[in-house]
PDB file of N, CA and C in Angstrom:
ATOM      1  N   UNK A   1      87.771  78.319 117.080  1.00  0.00           N
ATOM      2  CA  UNK A   1      88.958  79.138 117.217  1.00  0.00           C
ATOM      3  C   UNK A   1      88.603  80.573 116.833  1.00  0.00           C
ATOM      4  N   UNK A   2      89.084  81.509 117.601  1.00  0.00           N
ATOM      5  CA  UNK A   2      88.783  82.908 117.313  1.00  0.00           C
ATOM      6  C   UNK A   2      89.774  83.483 116.307  1.00  0.00           C
ATOM      7  N   UNK A   3      89.337  84.512 115.624  1.00  0.00           N
ATOM      8  CA  UNK A   3      90.220  85.202 114.689  1.00  0.00           C
ATOM      9  C   UNK A   3      91.413  85.799 115.414  1.00  0.00           C
ATOM     10  N   UNK A   4      91.199  86.242 116.644  1.00  0.00           N
ATOM     11  CA  UNK A   4      92.281  86.838 117.431  1.00  0.00           C
ATOM     12  C   UNK A   4      93.377  85.817 117.714  1.00  0.00           C
ATOM     13  N   UNK A   5      92.984  84.606 118.108  1.00  0.00           N
ATOM     14  CA  UNK A   5      93.964  83.545 118.379  1.00  0.00           C
ATOM     15  C   UNK A   5      94.786  83.239 117.135  1.00  0.00           C
ATOM     16  N   UNK A   6      94.102  83.135 116.002  1.00  0.00           N
ATOM     17  CA  UNK A   6      94.784  82.837 114.750  1.00  0.00           C
ATOM     18  C   UNK A   6      95.721  83.977 114.375  1.00  0.00           C
ATOM     19  N   UNK A   7      95.273  85.201 114.519  1.00  0.00           N
ATOM     20  CA  UNK A   7      96.095  86.365 114.192  1.00  0.00           C
ATOM     21  C   UNK A   7      97.364  86.404 115.042  1.00  0.00           C
ATOM     22  N   UNK A   8      97.230  86.161 116.326  1.00  0.00           N
ATOM     23  CA  UNK A   8      98.387  86.154 117.227  1.00  0.00           C
ATOM     24  C   UNK A   8      99.360  85.058 116.818  1.00  0.00           C
ATOM     25  N   UNK A   9      98.840  83.869 116.534  1.00  0.00           N
ATOM     26  CA  UNK A   9      99.699  82.747 116.134  1.00  0.00           C
ATOM     27  C   UNK A   9     100.397  83.042 114.807  1.00  0.00           C
ATOM     28  N   UNK A  10      99.678  83.609 113.847  1.00  0.00           N
ATOM     29  CA  UNK A  10     100.286  83.933 112.546  1.00  0.00           C
ATOM     30  C   UNK A  10     101.430  84.930 112.707  1.00  0.00           C
ATOM     31  N   UNK A  11     101.290  85.878 113.599  1.00  0.00           N
ATOM     32  CA  UNK A  11     102.330  86.885 113.783  1.00  0.00           C
ATOM     33  C   UNK A  11     103.562  86.343 114.506  1.00  0.00           C
ATOM     34  N   UNK A  12     103.480  85.141 115.044  1.00  0.00           N
ATOM     35  CA  UNK A  12     104.643  84.517 115.674  1.00  0.00           C
ATOM     36  C   UNK A  12     105.472  83.721 114.667  1.00  0.00           C
ATOM     37  N   UNK A  13     104.952  83.550 113.460  1.00  0.00           N
ATOM     38  CA  UNK A  13     105.699  82.860 112.411  1.00  0.00           C
ATOM     39  C   UNK A  13     106.696  83.823 111.789  1.00  0.00           C
ATOM     40  N   UNK A  14     107.655  83.258 111.035  1.00  0.00           N
ATOM     41  CA  UNK A  14     108.548  84.137 110.278  1.00  0.00           C
ATOM     42  C   UNK A  14     107.725  84.837 109.196  1.00  0.00           C
ATOM     43  N   UNK A  15     108.229  85.946 108.717  1.00  0.00           N
ATOM     44  CA  UNK A  15     107.519  86.696 107.672  1.00  0.00           C
ATOM     45  C   UNK A  15     107.317  85.819 106.439  1.00  0.00           C
ATOM     46  N   UNK A  16     108.336  85.068 106.062  1.00  0.00           N
ATOM     47  CA  UNK A  16     108.238  84.213 104.872  1.00  0.00           C
ATOM     48  C   UNK A  16     107.173  83.141 105.049  1.00  0.00           C
ATOM     49  N   UNK A  17     107.158  82.497 106.221  1.00  0.00           N
ATOM     50  CA  UNK A  17     106.144  81.462 106.474  1.00  0.00           C
ATOM     51  C   UNK A  17     104.743  82.060 106.474  1.00  0.00           C
ATOM     52  N   UNK A  18     104.598  83.187 107.144  1.00  0.00           N
ATOM     53  CA  UNK A  18     103.288  83.838 107.229  1.00  0.00           C
ATOM     54  C   UNK A  18     102.790  84.258 105.849  1.00  0.00           C
ATOM     55  N   UNK A  19     103.661  84.861 105.051  1.00  0.00           N
ATOM     56  CA  UNK A  19     103.263  85.303 103.716  1.00  0.00           C
ATOM     57  C   UNK A  19     102.784  84.129 102.864  1.00  0.00           C
ATOM     58  N   UNK A  20     103.517  83.020 102.908  1.00  0.00           N
ATOM     59  CA  UNK A  20     103.133  81.852 102.106  1.00  0.00           C
ATOM     60  C   UNK A  20     101.776  81.314 102.551  1.00  0.00           C
ATOM     61  N   UNK A  21     101.561  81.212 103.850  1.00  0.00           N
ATOM     62  CA  UNK A  21     100.289  80.697 104.366  1.00  0.00           C
ATOM     63  C   UNK A  21      99.130  81.631 103.992  1.00  0.00           C
ATOM     64  N   UNK A  22      99.340  82.926 104.119  1.00  0.00           N
ATOM     65  CA  UNK A  22      98.279  83.872 103.771  1.00  0.00           C
ATOM     66  C   UNK A  22      97.957  83.819 102.280  1.00  0.00           C
ATOM     67  N   UNK A  23      98.987  83.763 101.450  1.00  0.00           N
ATOM     68  CA  UNK A  23      98.751  83.695 100.005  1.00  0.00           C
ATOM     69  C   UNK A  23      98.051  82.395  99.614  1.00  0.00           C
ATOM     70  N   UNK A  24      98.448  81.297 100.233  1.00  0.00           N
ATOM     71  CA  UNK A  24      97.893  79.985  99.883  1.00  0.00           C
ATOM     72  C   UNK A  24      96.443  79.846 100.350  1.00  0.00           C
ATOM     73  N   UNK A  25      96.203  80.123 101.613  1.00  0.00           N
ATOM     74  CA  UNK A  25      94.898  79.809 102.203  1.00  0.00           C
ATOM     75  C   UNK A  25      93.910  80.968 102.203  1.00  0.00           C
ATOM     76  N   UNK A  26      94.386  82.204 102.077  1.00  0.00           N
ATOM     77  CA  UNK A  26      93.467  83.333 102.075  1.00  0.00           C
ATOM     78  C   UNK A  26      93.338  83.968 100.698  1.00  0.00           C
ATOM     79  N   UNK A  27      94.337  83.763  99.840  1.00  0.00           N
ATOM     80  CA  UNK A  27      94.274  84.292  98.482  1.00  0.00           C
ATOM     81  C   UNK A  27      94.103  83.189  97.440  1.00  0.00           C
ATOM     82  N   UNK A  28      94.200  81.934  97.866  1.00  0.00           N
ATOM     83  CA  UNK A  28      93.955  80.811  96.973  1.00  0.00           C
ATOM     84  C   UNK A  28      95.034  80.552  95.932  1.00  0.00           C
ATOM     85  N   UNK A  29      96.239  81.044  96.176  1.00  0.00           N
ATOM     86  CA  UNK A  29      97.330  80.832  95.216  1.00  0.00           C
ATOM     87  C   UNK A  29      97.948  79.444  95.410  1.00  0.00           C
ATOM     88  N   UNK A  30      98.446  78.865  94.329  1.00  0.00           N
ATOM     89  CA  UNK A  30      99.127  77.572  94.399  1.00  0.00           C
ATOM     90  C   UNK A  30     100.583  77.785  94.819  1.00  0.00           C
ATOM     91  N   UNK A  31     101.239  76.705  95.238  1.00  0.00           N
ATOM     92  CA  UNK A  31     102.657  76.791  95.576  1.00  0.00           C
ATOM     93  C   UNK A  31     103.463  77.304  94.386  1.00  0.00           C
ATOM     94  N   UNK A  32     103.113  76.845  93.185  1.00  0.00           N
ATOM     95  CA  UNK A  32     103.834  77.273  91.984  1.00  0.00           C
ATOM     96  C   UNK A  32     103.664  78.772  91.737  1.00  0.00           C
ATOM     97  N   UNK A  33     102.458  79.272  91.911  1.00  0.00           N
ATOM     98  CA  UNK A  33     102.211  80.702  91.719  1.00  0.00           C
ATOM     99  C   UNK A  33     102.990  81.540  92.737  1.00  0.00           C
ATOM    100  N   UNK A  34     103.009  81.078  93.978  1.00  0.00           N
ATOM    101  CA  UNK A  34     103.745  81.794  95.026  1.00  0.00           C
ATOM    102  C   UNK A  34     105.237  81.748  94.725  1.00  0.00           C
ATOM    103  N   UNK A  35     105.727  80.598  94.274  1.00  0.00           N
ATOM    104  CA  UNK A  35     107.144  80.451  93.925  1.00  0.00           C
ATOM    105  C   UNK A  35     107.533  81.433  92.828  1.00  0.00           C
ATOM    106  N   UNK A  36     106.692  81.576  91.826  1.00  0.00           N
ATOM    107  CA  UNK A  36     106.969  82.517  90.736  1.00  0.00           C
ATOM    108  C   UNK A  36     106.952  83.958  91.246  1.00  0.00           C
ATOM    109  N   UNK A  37     106.050  84.270  92.154  1.00  0.00           N
ATOM    110  CA  UNK A  37     105.953  85.608  92.727  1.00  0.00           C
ATOM    111  C   UNK A  37     107.242  85.985  93.466  1.00  0.00           C
ATOM    112  N   UNK A  38     107.796  85.023  94.228  1.00  0.00           N
ATOM    113  CA  UNK A  38     108.986  85.275  95.049  1.00  0.00           C
ATOM    114  C   UNK A  38     110.293  84.861  94.372  1.00  0.00           C
ATOM    115  N   UNK A  39     110.198  84.318  93.150  1.00  0.00           N
ATOM    116  CA  UNK A  39     111.383  83.884  92.395  1.00  0.00           C
ATOM    117  C   UNK A  39     112.199  82.845  93.157  1.00  0.00           C
ATOM    118  N   UNK A  40     111.500  81.860  93.709  1.00  0.00           N
ATOM    119  CA  UNK A  40     112.142  80.719  94.376  1.00  0.00           C
ATOM    120  C   UNK A  40     111.511  79.440  93.837  1.00  0.00           C
ATOM    121  N   UNK A  41     112.057  78.300  94.243  1.00  0.00           N
ATOM    122  CA  UNK A  41     111.517  77.028  93.761  1.00  0.00           C
ATOM    123  C   UNK A  41     110.200  76.691  94.454  1.00  0.00           C
ATOM    124  N   UNK A  42     109.403  75.868  93.794  1.00  0.00           N
ATOM    125  CA  UNK A  42     108.144  75.414  94.378  1.00  0.00           C
ATOM    126  C   UNK A  42     108.413  74.641  95.663  1.00  0.00           C
ATOM    127  N   UNK A  43     109.501  73.867  95.679  1.00  0.00           N
ATOM    128  CA  UNK A  43     109.822  73.083  96.882  1.00  0.00           C
ATOM    129  C   UNK A  43     110.169  73.996  98.068  1.00  0.00           C
ATOM    130  N   UNK A  44     110.776  75.148  97.802  1.00  0.00           N
ATOM    131  CA  UNK A  44     111.067  76.097  98.891  1.00  0.00           C
ATOM    132  C   UNK A  44     109.760  76.618  99.491  1.00  0.00           C
ATOM    133  N   UNK A  45     108.788  76.893  98.640  1.00  0.00           N
ATOM    134  CA  UNK A  45     107.486  77.362  99.115  1.00  0.00           C
ATOM    135  C   UNK A  45     106.789  76.261  99.908  1.00  0.00           C
ATOM    136  N   UNK A  46     106.872  75.031  99.401  1.00  0.00           N
ATOM    137  CA  UNK A  46     106.266  73.902 100.113  1.00  0.00           C
ATOM    138  C   UNK A  46     106.860  73.786 101.521  1.00  0.00           C
ATOM    139  N   UNK A  47     108.186  73.892 101.623  1.00  0.00           N
ATOM    140  CA  UNK A  47     108.838  73.792 102.939  1.00  0.00           C
ATOM    141  C   UNK A  47     108.394  74.919 103.865  1.00  0.00           C
ATOM    142  N   UNK A  48     108.348  76.132 103.338  1.00  0.00           N
ATOM    143  CA  UNK A  48     107.904  77.267 104.166  1.00  0.00           C
ATOM    144  C   UNK A  48     106.483  77.050 104.663  1.00  0.00           C
ATOM    145  N   UNK A  49     105.622  76.591 103.772  1.00  0.00           N
ATOM    146  CA  UNK A  49     104.215  76.361 104.145  1.00  0.00           C
ATOM    147  C   UNK A  49     104.108  75.242 105.168  1.00  0.00           C
ATOM    148  N   UNK A  50     104.807  74.146 104.921  1.00  0.00           N
ATOM    149  CA  UNK A  50     104.765  73.001 105.822  1.00  0.00           C
ATOM    150  C   UNK A  50     105.303  73.367 107.208  1.00  0.00           C
ATOM    151  N   UNK A  51     106.442  74.031 107.252  1.00  0.00           N
ATOM    152  CA  UNK A  51     107.015  74.452 108.534  1.00  0.00           C
ATOM    153  C   UNK A  51     106.091  75.432 109.247  1.00  0.00           C
ATOM    154  N   UNK A  52     105.533  76.361 108.499  1.00  0.00           N
ATOM    155  CA  UNK A  52     104.631  77.335 109.093  1.00  0.00           C
ATOM    156  C   UNK A  52     103.380  76.700 109.666  1.00  0.00           C
ATOM    157  N   UNK A  53     102.812  75.737 108.938  1.00  0.00           N
ATOM    158  CA  UNK A  53     101.616  75.056 109.432  1.00  0.00           C
ATOM    159  C   UNK A  53     101.910  74.253 110.695  1.00  0.00           C
ATOM    160  N   UNK A  54     103.076  73.605 110.738  1.00  0.00           N
ATOM    161  CA  UNK A  54     103.452  72.856 111.942  1.00  0.00           C
ATOM    162  C   UNK A  54     103.610  73.791 113.134  1.00  0.00           C
ATOM    163  N   UNK A  55     104.238  74.938 112.919  1.00  0.00           N
ATOM    164  CA  UNK A  55     104.390  75.915 113.999  1.00  0.00           C
ATOM    165  C   UNK A  55     103.032  76.453 114.443  1.00  0.00           C
ATOM    166  N   UNK A  56     102.158  76.722 113.462  1.00  0.00           N
ATOM    167  CA  UNK A  56     100.811  77.206 113.798  1.00  0.00           C
ATOM    168  C   UNK A  56     100.063  76.211 114.669  1.00  0.00           C
ATOM    169  N   UNK A  57     100.142  74.950 114.277  1.00  0.00           N
ATOM    170  CA  UNK A  57      99.461  73.903 115.042  1.00  0.00           C
ATOM    171  C   UNK A  57      99.966  73.891 116.488  1.00  0.00           C
ATOM    172  N   UNK A  58     101.263  73.968 116.658  1.00  0.00           N
ATOM    173  CA  UNK A  58     101.855  73.971 118.000  1.00  0.00           C
ATOM    174  C   UNK A  58     101.423  75.205 118.784  1.00  0.00           C
ATOM    175  N   UNK A  59     101.486  76.370 118.150  1.00  0.00           N
ATOM    176  CA  UNK A  59     101.110  77.613 118.822  1.00  0.00           C
ATOM    177  C   UNK A  59      99.642  77.617 119.234  1.00  0.00           C
ATOM    178  N   UNK A  60      98.774  77.109 118.377  1.00  0.00           N
ATOM    179  CA  UNK A  60      97.350  77.098 118.678  1.00  0.00           C
ATOM    180  C   UNK A  60      97.021  76.096 119.778  1.00  0.00           C
ATOM    181  N   UNK A  61      97.742  74.996 119.839  1.00  0.00           N
ATOM    182  CA  UNK A  61      97.535  74.024 120.924  1.00  0.00           C
ATOM    183  C   UNK A  61      97.961  74.624 122.255  1.00  0.00           C
ATOM    184  N   UNK A  62      99.056  75.396 122.255  1.00  0.00           N
ATOM    185  CA  UNK A  62      99.552  76.027 123.486  1.00  0.00           C
ATOM    186  C   UNK A  62      98.546  77.017 124.066  1.00  0.00           C
ATOM    187  N   UNK A  63      97.766  77.648 123.202  1.00  0.00           N
ATOM    188  CA  UNK A  63      96.837  78.682 123.643  1.00  0.00           C
ATOM    189  C   UNK A  63      95.515  78.128 124.145  1.00  0.00           C
ATOM    190  N   UNK A  64      95.289  76.825 123.991  1.00  0.00           N
ATOM    191  CA  UNK A  64      94.031  76.226 124.461  1.00  0.00           C
ATOM    192  C   UNK A  64      94.005  76.057 125.953  1.00  0.00           C
TER     193      UNK A  64
END
C-alpha cells in the first residue's frame, strides 16, 4: 500500500476518527492517554478508533 493511498483514505475519515488513529498508531499513545488529552471516556476513544479503522479498511479496499 502506498503512503498516498493511506493519506487519501485517512482524510476521508472524520477529524475525530483521524486524530485518534494518528495518535494511536503513529504517536504510540494508548486509548487512555488519548481520552485524557481530549477529556472524554476511554470507551469513546475506542469507538472512534474502531469506527475509523473499519472505514479505513473499506476505503482502502475500494481503491484496489
